[in-house]
Amino acid sequence: MESDDPAEGVARGRASTPLSKLLLPMPVGYQLGSDIEGYGNDGELGARQAADLLKAKGKGVYGKKRREYERRIDALGLQGMAMRSYAGIAADVQVEVLVMRMKDKKAVRNFYDLRTELDGYLKLRKGPKVEDHERNAACHLLPEPTEGDKEEKEAQLRGMTCTAYTGEFLVSVAAYGAAPLDGKAIAELLAKQLGHIDSPGEYV
């Protein structure tokens, strides 16, 4: 029998709304991480705030490309966003996951194509493949540090971003951690997230 206590199981993440239930429950080896852009570490946003947060994720894109990126976000028909941050128990990585519901599948695919195109524009290196989702998920590694001596470079955080879609849902992942960043583990987390959207309950 399920408990009516909303605090029970909070460590695994909220699941009080249809959208929040689509977020992957906290996997073994992780705990709730830091706030995402000041919106908390486990929450849900309405359409307008979700669009603003998605635009903020377009760091490094300027000029015509930036205007096109923001225009496409406005045209998405974004209906809402659930978000959660996962921090490695060993404090070596933080993974931010956004699950967004769109008005239709075509809008989702169009934005996925734009986001992966921008990753190429930013000259990001291809990251690990997401198993069983090679056609609807892509990961890219952020540039390696270029400033400082060897020790300073090694101490700087590494990063990886991923974009994926399934049905009318778009999934955005951003991961940051100490070198060497375990990109394969992050790709596996994304694969589980996509599987949880397609088959809720399978990964709880």
C-alpha atoms as a PDB file:
ATOM      1  CA  MET A   1       0.000   0.000   0.000  1.00  0.00           C
ATOM      2  CA  GLU A   2       1.392   3.415  -0.971  1.00  0.00           C
ATOM      3  CA  SER A   3       1.933   6.000   1.743  1.00  0.00           C
ATOM      4  CA  ASP A   4       0.126   9.340   1.672  1.00  0.00           C
ATOM      5  CA  ASP A   5       3.135  11.034   3.301  1.00  0.00           C
ATOM      6  CA  PRO A   6       4.659  13.322   0.624  1.00  0.00           C
ATOM      7  CA  ALA A   7       7.970  13.378   2.505  1.00  0.00           C
ATOM      8  CA  GLU A   8       8.374   9.635   2.280  1.00  0.00           C
ATOM      9  CA  GLY A   9      10.792   8.643  -0.459  1.00  0.00           C
ATOM     10  CA  VAL A  10      11.785  12.269  -1.120  1.00  0.00           C
ATOM     11  CA  ALA A  11      15.399  11.146  -1.508  1.00  0.00           C
ATOM     12  CA  ARG A  12      14.358   9.296  -4.682  1.00  0.00           C
ATOM     13  CA  GLY A  13      12.770  12.427  -6.142  1.00  0.00           C
ATOM     14  CA  ARG A  14       9.292  13.902  -6.314  1.00  0.00           C
ATOM     15  CA  ALA A  15       6.614  12.058  -8.256  1.00  0.00           C
ATOM     16  CA  SER A  16       3.516  14.074  -7.378  1.00  0.00           C
ATOM     17  CA  THR A  17       2.474  15.182 -10.886  1.00  0.00           C
ATOM     18  CA  PRO A  18       2.186  13.419 -14.260  1.00  0.00           C
ATOM     19  CA  LEU A  19       5.310  15.210 -15.523  1.00  0.00           C
ATOM     20  CA  SER A  20       7.446  14.708 -12.397  1.00  0.00           C
ATOM     21  CA  LYS A  21       6.625  10.992 -12.496  1.00  0.00           C
ATOM     22  CA  LEU A  22       8.521  10.820 -15.779  1.00  0.00           C
ATOM     23  CA  LEU A  23      11.808  11.831 -14.127  1.00  0.00           C
ATOM     24  CA  LEU A  24      14.079   8.905 -13.373  1.00  0.00           C
ATOM     25  CA  PRO A  25      13.897   7.999  -9.651  1.00  0.00           C
ATOM     26  CA  MET A  26      17.240   8.425  -7.890  1.00  0.00           C
ATOM     27  CA  PRO A  27      19.556   5.650  -9.102  1.00  0.00           C
ATOM     28  CA  VAL A  28      21.966   3.776  -6.840  1.00  0.00           C
ATOM     29  CA  GLY A  29      25.109   5.823  -6.342  1.00  0.00           C
ATOM     30  CA  TYR A  30      23.405   9.223  -6.624  1.00  0.00           C
ATOM     31  CA  GLN A  31      21.658  11.720  -4.393  1.00  0.00           C
ATOM     32  CA  LEU A  32      19.883  15.030  -5.057  1.00  0.00           C
ATOM     33  CA  GLY A  33      22.354  17.616  -6.332  1.00  0.00           C
ATOM     34  CA  SER A  34      22.638  21.394  -6.477  1.00  0.00           C
ATOM     35  CA  ASP A  35      19.990  23.829  -7.726  1.00  0.00           C
ATOM     36  CA  ILE A  36      19.467  24.146 -11.476  1.00  0.00           C
ATOM     37  CA  GLU A  37      19.738  27.798 -12.530  1.00  0.00           C
ATOM     38  CA  GLY A  38      18.202  28.879  -9.213  1.00  0.00           C
ATOM     39  CA  TYR A  39      15.026  26.814  -9.682  1.00  0.00           C
ATOM     40  CA  GLY A  40      15.804  24.130  -7.102  1.00  0.00           C
ATOM     41  CA  ASN A  41      17.104  20.591  -7.529  1.00  0.00           C
ATOM     42  CA  ASP A  42      13.809  18.727  -7.964  1.00  0.00           C
ATOM     43  CA  GLY A  43      10.928  20.731  -9.345  1.00  0.00           C
ATOM     44  CA  GLU A  44       8.586  21.601 -12.172  1.00  0.00           C
ATOM     45  CA  LEU A  45       8.126  24.723 -14.277  1.00  0.00           C
ATOM     46  CA  GLY A  46       5.276  26.108 -16.325  1.00  0.00           C
ATOM     47  CA  ALA A  47       5.587  26.907 -20.013  1.00  0.00           C
ATOM     48  CA  ARG A  48       7.069  30.407 -19.729  1.00  0.00           C
ATOM     49  CA  GLN A  49       9.685  29.602 -17.081  1.00  0.00           C
ATOM     50  CA  ALA A  50      10.583  26.407 -18.928  1.00  0.00           C
ATOM     51  CA  ALA A  51      11.214  28.368 -22.120  1.00  0.00           C
ATOM     52  CA  ASP A  52      13.400  30.859 -20.229  1.00  0.00           C
ATOM     53  CA  LEU A  53      15.460  28.062 -18.698  1.00  0.00           C
ATOM     54  CA  LEU A  54      15.876  26.341 -22.062  1.00  0.00           C
ATOM     55  CA  LYS A  55      17.074  29.616 -23.583  1.00  0.00           C
ATOM     56  CA  ALA A  56      19.583  30.016 -20.748  1.00  0.00           C
ATOM     57  CA  LYS A  57      21.007  26.640 -21.721  1.00  0.00           C
ATOM     58  CA  GLY A  58      22.097  28.123 -25.068  1.00  0.00           C
ATOM     59  CA  LYS A  59      25.334  29.500 -23.641  1.00  0.00           C
ATOM     60  CA  GLY A  60      28.020  30.122 -26.222  1.00  0.00           C
ATOM     61  CA  VAL A  61      25.569  30.754 -29.078  1.00  0.00           C
ATOM     62  CA  TYR A  62      25.461  34.331 -30.371  1.00  0.00           C
ATOM     63  CA  GLY A  63      24.152  36.521 -33.167  1.00  0.00           C
ATOM     64  CA  LYS A  64      21.954  34.998 -35.851  1.00  0.00           C
ATOM     65  CA  LYS A  65      22.288  31.487 -34.430  1.00  0.00           C
ATOM     66  CA  ARG A  66      21.185  32.704 -31.010  1.00  0.00           C
ATOM     67  CA  ARG A  67      18.107  34.460 -32.412  1.00  0.00           C
ATOM     68  CA  GLU A  68      17.193  31.351 -34.385  1.00  0.00           C
ATOM     69  CA  TYR A  69      17.659  29.179 -31.288  1.00  0.00           C
ATOM     70  CA  GLU A  70      15.358  31.371 -29.184  1.00  0.00           C
ATOM     71  CA  ARG A  71      12.802  31.706 -31.995  1.00  0.00           C
ATOM     72  CA  ARG A  72      12.602  27.941 -32.292  1.00  0.00           C
ATOM     73  CA  ILE A  73      12.088  27.611 -28.543  1.00  0.00           C
ATOM     74  CA  ASP A  74       9.178  30.089 -28.718  1.00  0.00           C
ATOM     75  CA  ALA A  75       7.658  28.029 -31.546  1.00  0.00           C
ATOM     76  CA  LEU A  76       7.958  24.710 -29.728  1.00  0.00           C
ATOM     77  CA  GLY A  77       4.642  24.846 -27.947  1.00  0.00           C
ATOM     78  CA  LEU A  78       6.462  23.984 -24.735  1.00  0.00           C
ATOM     79  CA  GLN A  79       3.856  22.950 -22.163  1.00  0.00           C
ATOM     80  CA  GLY A  80       5.968  22.342 -19.078  1.00  0.00           C
ATOM     81  CA  MET A  81       9.218  20.990 -17.692  1.00  0.00           C
ATOM     82  CA  ALA A  82      10.194  18.667 -14.860  1.00  0.00           C
ATOM     83  CA  MET A  83      13.813  18.878 -13.686  1.00  0.00           C
ATOM     84  CA  ARG A  84      16.070  17.099 -11.243  1.00  0.00           C
ATOM     85  CA  SER A  85      19.769  17.188 -10.429  1.00  0.00           C
ATOM     86  CA  TYR A  86      21.639  14.012  -9.525  1.00  0.00           C
ATOM     87  CA  ALA A  87      24.928  14.223  -7.614  1.00  0.00           C
ATOM     88  CA  GLY A  88      27.321  11.317  -7.379  1.00  0.00           C
ATOM     89  CA  ILE A  89      27.666  10.009  -3.821  1.00  0.00           C
ATOM     90  CA  ALA A  90      31.427  10.365  -4.255  1.00  0.00           C
ATOM     91  CA  ALA A  91      30.873  14.087  -5.063  1.00  0.00           C
ATOM     92  CA  ASP A  92      32.630  13.610  -8.400  1.00  0.00           C
ATOM     93  CA  VAL A  93      29.797  14.552 -10.777  1.00  0.00           C
ATOM     94  CA  GLN A  94      26.512  16.442 -11.039  1.00  0.00           C
ATOM     95  CA  VAL A  95      23.959  15.599 -13.707  1.00  0.00           C
ATOM     96  CA  GLU A  96      21.065  17.945 -14.504  1.00  0.00           C
ATOM     97  CA  VAL A  97      18.089  16.359 -16.272  1.00  0.00           C
ATOM     98  CA  LEU A  98      15.236  18.303 -17.871  1.00  0.00           C
ATOM     99  CA  VAL A  99      12.153  16.526 -19.239  1.00  0.00           C
ATOM    100  CA  MET A 100       9.949  18.751 -21.387  1.00  0.00           C
ATOM    101  CA  ARG A 101       6.530  18.114 -22.856  1.00  0.00           C
ATOM    102  CA  MET A 102       5.844  19.665 -26.276  1.00  0.00           C
ATOM    103  CA  LYS A 103       2.654  20.222 -28.246  1.00  0.00           C
ATOM    104  CA  ASP A 104       3.535  17.641 -30.907  1.00  0.00           C
ATOM    105  CA  LYS A 105       6.195  15.146 -31.968  1.00  0.00           C
ATOM    106  CA  LYS A 106       7.278  17.186 -34.992  1.00  0.00           C
ATOM    107  CA  ALA A 107       8.217  20.161 -32.794  1.00  0.00           C
ATOM    108  CA  VAL A 108      10.294  17.860 -30.591  1.00  0.00           C
ATOM    109  CA  ARG A 109      12.208  16.402 -33.547  1.00  0.00           C
ATOM    110  CA  ASN A 110      12.799  19.834 -35.082  1.00  0.00           C
ATOM    111  CA  PHE A 111      14.293  21.161 -31.856  1.00  0.00           C
ATOM    112  CA  TYR A 112      16.409  18.040 -31.403  1.00  0.00           C
ATOM    113  CA  ASP A 113      17.872  18.619 -34.872  1.00  0.00           C
ATOM    114  CA  LEU A 114      18.548  22.283 -34.059  1.00  0.00           C
ATOM    115  CA  ARG A 115      20.201  21.501 -30.709  1.00  0.00           C
ATOM    116  CA  THR A 116      22.519  18.886 -32.205  1.00  0.00           C
ATOM    117  CA  GLU A 117      23.301  21.271 -35.073  1.00  0.00           C
ATOM    118  CA  LEU A 118      24.306  23.950 -32.549  1.00  0.00           C
ATOM    119  CA  ASP A 119      26.580  21.487 -30.768  1.00  0.00           C
ATOM    120  CA  GLY A 120      28.357  21.052 -34.082  1.00  0.00           C
ATOM    121  CA  TYR A 121      28.458  24.825 -34.566  1.00  0.00           C
ATOM    122  CA  LEU A 122      30.141  25.145 -31.166  1.00  0.00           C
ATOM    123  CA  LYS A 123      32.666  22.532 -32.341  1.00  0.00           C
ATOM    124  CA  LEU A 124      31.929  20.199 -29.468  1.00  0.00           C
ATOM    125  CA  ARG A 125      33.433  16.733 -29.619  1.00  0.00           C
ATOM    126  CA  LYS A 126      31.122  13.772 -29.986  1.00  0.00           C
ATOM    127  CA  GLY A 127      30.471  12.002 -26.728  1.00  0.00           C
ATOM    128  CA  PRO A 128      29.586   8.364 -26.046  1.00  0.00           C
ATOM    129  CA  LYS A 129      26.614   6.793 -27.770  1.00  0.00           C
ATOM    130  CA  VAL A 130      23.414   6.177 -25.834  1.00  0.00           C
ATOM    131  CA  GLU A 131      22.741   2.465 -26.128  1.00  0.00           C
ATOM    132  CA  ASP A 132      19.545   1.566 -28.007  1.00  0.00           C
ATOM    133  CA  HIS A 133      18.941   5.279 -28.714  1.00  0.00           C
ATOM    134  CA  GLU A 134      21.498   6.076 -31.412  1.00  0.00           C
ATOM    135  CA  ARG A 135      18.830   7.721 -33.600  1.00  0.00           C
ATOM    136  CA  ASN A 136      17.096   9.822 -30.973  1.00  0.00           C
ATOM    137  CA  ALA A 137      19.896  10.804 -28.577  1.00  0.00           C
ATOM    138  CA  ALA A 138      23.246  12.541 -28.969  1.00  0.00           C
ATOM    139  CA  CYS A 139      25.939  13.535 -26.462  1.00  0.00           C
ATOM    140  CA  HIS A 140      28.777  16.012 -26.860  1.00  0.00           C
ATOM    141  CA  LEU A 141      31.802  16.761 -24.699  1.00  0.00           C
ATOM    142  CA  LEU A 142      32.508  20.348 -23.702  1.00  0.00           C
ATOM    143  CA  PRO A 143      35.932  21.763 -24.674  1.00  0.00           C
ATOM    144  CA  GLU A 144      38.923  20.785 -22.561  1.00  0.00           C
ATOM    145  CA  PRO A 145      40.410  23.540 -20.351  1.00  0.00           C
ATOM    146  CA  THR A 146      43.025  25.637 -22.180  1.00  0.00           C
ATOM    147  CA  GLU A 147      44.172  28.066 -19.490  1.00  0.00           C
ATOM    148  CA  GLY A 148      46.565  27.450 -16.602  1.00  0.00           C
ATOM    149  CA  ASP A 149      49.380  25.004 -16.028  1.00  0.00           C
ATOM    150  CA  LYS A 150      48.981  21.226 -16.066  1.00  0.00           C
ATOM    151  CA  GLU A 151      47.792  20.970 -12.457  1.00  0.00           C
ATOM    152  CA  GLU A 152      45.321  23.835 -12.877  1.00  0.00           C
ATOM    153  CA  LYS A 153      43.872  22.261 -16.022  1.00  0.00           C
ATOM    154  CA  GLU A 154      43.488  18.889 -14.318  1.00  0.00           C
ATOM    155  CA  ALA A 155      41.629  20.542 -11.424  1.00  0.00           C
ATOM    156  CA  GLN A 156      39.053  22.236 -13.678  1.00  0.00           C
ATOM    157  CA  LEU A 157      35.669  20.621 -14.234  1.00  0.00           C
ATOM    158  CA  ARG A 158      34.858  18.686 -17.391  1.00  0.00           C
ATOM    159  CA  GLY A 159      31.427  18.726 -18.987  1.00  0.00           C
ATOM    160  CA  MET A 160      29.091  16.860 -21.307  1.00  0.00           C
ATOM    161  CA  THR A 161      25.681  17.710 -22.750  1.00  0.00           C
ATOM    162  CA  CYS A 162      23.100  15.380 -24.245  1.00  0.00           C
ATOM    163  CA  THR A 163      19.823  15.929 -26.076  1.00  0.00           C
ATOM    164  CA  ALA A 164      17.252  13.212 -26.725  1.00  0.00           C
ATOM    165  CA  TYR A 165      13.591  12.769 -27.527  1.00  0.00           C
ATOM    166  CA  THR A 166      10.844  10.204 -27.313  1.00  0.00           C
ATOM    167  CA  GLY A 167       7.259  10.843 -28.376  1.00  0.00           C
ATOM    168  CA  GLU A 168       6.267  14.389 -27.405  1.00  0.00           C
ATOM    169  CA  PHE A 169       9.022  14.623 -24.786  1.00  0.00           C
ATOM    170  CA  LEU A 170      12.415  16.281 -25.122  1.00  0.00           C
ATOM    171  CA  VAL A 171      15.171  15.395 -22.644  1.00  0.00           C
ATOM    172  CA  SER A 172      18.166  17.627 -21.970  1.00  0.00           C
ATOM    173  CA  VAL A 173      21.121  16.490 -19.857  1.00  0.00           C
ATOM    174  CA  ALA A 174      24.100  18.508 -18.635  1.00  0.00           C
ATOM    175  CA  ALA A 175      26.851  16.859 -16.587  1.00  0.00           C
ATOM    176  CA  TYR A 176      29.848  18.385 -14.837  1.00  0.00           C
ATOM    177  CA  GLY A 177      32.568  16.657 -12.884  1.00  0.00           C
ATOM    178  CA  ALA A 178      36.201  16.170 -12.112  1.00  0.00           C
ATOM    179  CA  ALA A 179      38.527  14.703 -14.715  1.00  0.00           C
ATOM    180  CA  PRO A 180      38.262  12.122 -16.027  1.00  0.00           C
ATOM    181  CA  LEU A 181      34.497  12.564 -16.523  1.00  0.00           C
ATOM    182  CA  ASP A 182      32.749   9.212 -16.892  1.00  0.00           C
ATOM    183  CA  GLY A 183      30.762   9.988 -20.026  1.00  0.00           C
ATOM    184  CA  LYS A 184      29.657   6.384 -20.446  1.00  0.00           C
ATOM    185  CA  ALA A 185      27.946   6.411 -17.028  1.00  0.00           C
ATOM    186  CA  ILE A 186      26.105   9.624 -17.956  1.00  0.00           C
ATOM    187  CA  ALA A 187      24.983   8.117 -21.268  1.00  0.00           C
ATOM    188  CA  GLU A 188      23.704   5.091 -19.347  1.00  0.00           C
ATOM    189  CA  LEU A 189      21.758   7.394 -17.019  1.00  0.00           C
ATOM    190  CA  LEU A 190      20.159   9.053 -20.057  1.00  0.00           C
ATOM    191  CA  ALA A 191      19.253   5.654 -21.511  1.00  0.00           C
ATOM    192  CA  LYS A 192      17.511   4.761 -18.236  1.00  0.00           C
ATOM    193  CA  GLN A 193      15.706   8.120 -18.256  1.00  0.00           C
ATOM    194  CA  LEU A 194      14.384   7.496 -21.766  1.00  0.00           C
ATOM    195  CA  GLY A 195      13.376   3.982 -20.794  1.00  0.00           C
ATOM    196  CA  HIS A 196      11.524   5.319 -17.752  1.00  0.00           C
ATOM    197  CA  ILE A 197       9.525   7.723 -19.945  1.00  0.00           C
ATOM    198  CA  ASP A 198       8.606   4.922 -22.340  1.00  0.00           C
ATOM    199  CA  SER A 199       7.887   2.376 -19.592  1.00  0.00           C
ATOM    200  CA  PRO A 200       7.219   4.136 -16.254  1.00  0.00           C
ATOM    201  CA  GLY A 201       8.017   1.932 -13.290  1.00  0.00           C
ATOM    202  CA  GLU A 202      10.642  -0.180 -15.042  1.00  0.00           C
ATOM    203  CA  TYR A 203      13.544   1.746 -13.503  1.00  0.00           C
ATOM    204  CA  VAL A 204      12.230   2.387  -9.997  1.00  0.00           C
END
